[in-house]
């Protein structure tokens, strides 16, 4: 059974795409902790991030770095926080979360709400800031 992320990769479920290449996809979290909260995934369905082959694992982090640098350019924040939890969806993924304060990555906090138009604008800004 395909994960929700695999369905997003296949285009069966829409997303607010930030970046994509042959192996990876980055898209906005639809239940974000902060504006610009982005998920970075391998297109290959692998449950646990440490189960990725070494080359794919390293490339995932390099892809996430490009996305994180772009997020920082367009979302006012001190840094981009990184977390890998891996319990909520059985598909390896990295959360990139703009941080203004120490507790901005507390997943117990209420999630933010944006309109589809706001999500689209945020995704476009980040996409356009990615160094090609």
Protein backbone atom coordinates (compact mmCIF):
# COMPACT_ATOMS: atom_id res chain seq x y z
CA UNK A 1 0.00 0.00 0.00
CA UNK A 2 1.44 3.34 -1.07
CA UNK A 3 2.03 6.04 1.53
CA UNK A 4 0.43 9.46 1.25
CA UNK A 5 3.86 10.78 0.17
CA UNK A 6 4.10 8.20 -2.63
CA UNK A 7 0.65 9.30 -3.79
CA UNK A 8 1.92 12.91 -3.80
CA UNK A 9 4.99 11.87 -5.82
CA UNK A 10 2.72 10.10 -8.35
CA UNK A 11 0.47 13.16 -8.61
CA UNK A 12 -2.53 11.33 -7.14
CA UNK A 13 -2.71 13.86 -4.29
CA UNK A 14 -1.90 17.54 -4.93
CA UNK A 15 0.77 19.42 -3.04
CA UNK A 16 2.36 22.85 -2.88
CA UNK A 17 5.59 21.87 -4.62
CA UNK A 18 8.74 23.78 -3.70
CA UNK A 19 11.40 21.75 -5.54
CA UNK A 20 11.77 18.50 -7.44
CA UNK A 21 14.36 16.48 -9.27
CA UNK A 22 14.56 12.86 -10.42
CA UNK A 23 15.02 11.50 -6.89
CA UNK A 24 13.51 13.99 -4.45
CA UNK A 25 10.50 16.21 -3.83
CA UNK A 26 10.04 19.14 -1.46
CA UNK A 27 6.59 20.50 -0.68
CA UNK A 28 4.91 22.61 1.96
CA UNK A 29 3.54 20.85 5.03
CA UNK A 30 -0.23 21.40 4.93
CA UNK A 31 -0.30 21.48 8.75
CA UNK A 32 2.68 23.77 9.31
CA UNK A 33 4.25 24.85 12.55
CA UNK A 34 5.62 27.96 10.82
CA UNK A 35 5.20 29.71 7.49
CA UNK A 36 7.45 27.91 5.02
CA UNK A 37 7.46 24.57 6.91
CA UNK A 38 8.57 22.20 4.16
CA UNK A 39 8.84 18.43 3.85
CA UNK A 40 11.68 16.91 1.83
CA UNK A 41 11.28 13.31 0.71
CA UNK A 42 12.97 10.76 -1.50
CA UNK A 43 10.68 9.71 -4.31
CA UNK A 44 11.63 6.13 -3.57
CA UNK A 45 9.33 4.80 -0.86
CA UNK A 46 11.56 3.89 2.08
CA UNK A 47 10.10 3.87 5.59
CA UNK A 48 13.14 4.79 7.68
CA UNK A 49 15.66 7.48 6.78
CA UNK A 50 18.57 5.33 7.94
CA UNK A 51 17.39 2.54 5.62
CA UNK A 52 18.22 4.69 2.57
CA UNK A 53 21.27 3.61 0.58
CA UNK A 54 24.28 5.77 1.51
CA UNK A 55 24.36 7.64 -1.81
CA UNK A 56 20.62 8.43 -1.71
CA UNK A 57 20.83 9.40 1.97
CA UNK A 58 23.63 11.90 1.31
CA UNK A 59 21.91 13.27 -1.78
CA UNK A 60 18.66 13.75 0.20
CA UNK A 61 20.48 15.96 2.70
CA UNK A 62 22.15 17.95 -0.10
CA UNK A 63 18.75 18.49 -1.73
CA UNK A 64 17.29 19.53 1.65
CA UNK A 65 20.16 22.00 2.11
CA UNK A 66 19.31 23.78 -1.17
CA UNK A 67 15.67 24.01 -0.13
CA UNK A 68 16.55 25.18 3.39
CA UNK A 69 18.81 27.94 2.05
CA UNK A 70 15.97 29.11 -0.21
CA UNK A 71 13.43 29.09 2.64
CA UNK A 72 15.74 31.26 4.76
CA UNK A 73 15.98 33.77 1.89
CA UNK A 74 12.21 34.34 1.72
CA UNK A 75 10.80 33.57 5.19
CA UNK A 76 11.89 35.91 8.00
CA UNK A 77 13.63 33.70 10.56
CA UNK A 78 16.87 33.19 12.46
CA UNK A 79 17.56 29.70 11.11
CA UNK A 80 15.98 26.74 9.46
CA UNK A 81 15.40 23.95 11.96
CA UNK A 82 15.67 20.35 10.86
CA UNK A 83 13.89 17.38 12.32
CA UNK A 84 13.37 13.78 11.30
CA UNK A 85 10.72 12.05 13.33
CA UNK A 86 9.55 9.32 11.01
CA UNK A 87 6.59 8.09 13.02
CA UNK A 88 3.72 9.97 11.42
CA UNK A 89 4.16 8.74 7.82
CA UNK A 90 6.05 5.53 6.97
CA UNK A 91 8.08 7.27 4.25
CA UNK A 92 11.45 8.88 5.03
CA UNK A 93 11.18 12.66 5.25
CA UNK A 94 12.89 15.73 6.63
CA UNK A 95 11.03 18.67 8.16
CA UNK A 96 12.56 22.08 7.37
CA UNK A 97 11.05 24.64 9.75
CA UNK A 98 11.84 28.37 9.86
CA UNK A 99 12.78 29.31 13.42
CA UNK A 100 12.30 32.62 15.18
CA UNK A 101 12.63 31.08 18.63
CA UNK A 102 13.72 27.95 20.43
CA UNK A 103 10.23 26.44 20.71
CA UNK A 104 9.09 26.93 17.12
CA UNK A 105 9.63 23.22 16.42
CA UNK A 106 7.34 22.00 19.18
CA UNK A 107 4.94 19.68 17.35
CA UNK A 108 2.45 19.98 20.23
CA UNK A 109 1.78 23.60 19.23
CA UNK A 110 -1.35 24.42 17.23
CA UNK A 111 -0.73 24.23 13.52
CA UNK A 112 -1.01 27.34 11.36
CA UNK A 113 -3.66 27.76 8.72
CA UNK A 114 -3.17 29.29 5.29
CA UNK A 115 -5.47 29.67 2.32
CA UNK A 116 -4.64 27.77 -0.88
CA UNK A 117 -3.56 31.09 -2.40
CA UNK A 118 -1.22 31.79 0.53
CA UNK A 119 0.29 28.29 0.32
CA UNK A 120 0.80 28.72 -3.43
CA UNK A 121 2.52 32.09 -2.95
CA UNK A 122 4.83 30.74 -0.23
CA UNK A 123 5.76 27.72 -2.39
CA UNK A 124 6.45 29.94 -5.41
CA UNK A 125 8.66 32.29 -3.39
CA UNK A 126 10.74 29.42 -2.05
CA UNK A 127 10.92 27.74 -5.47
CA UNK A 128 12.11 30.94 -7.11
CA UNK A 129 14.81 31.42 -4.44
CA UNK A 130 16.41 28.00 -5.05
CA UNK A 131 19.81 28.31 -6.68
CA UNK A 132 19.79 26.47 -9.96
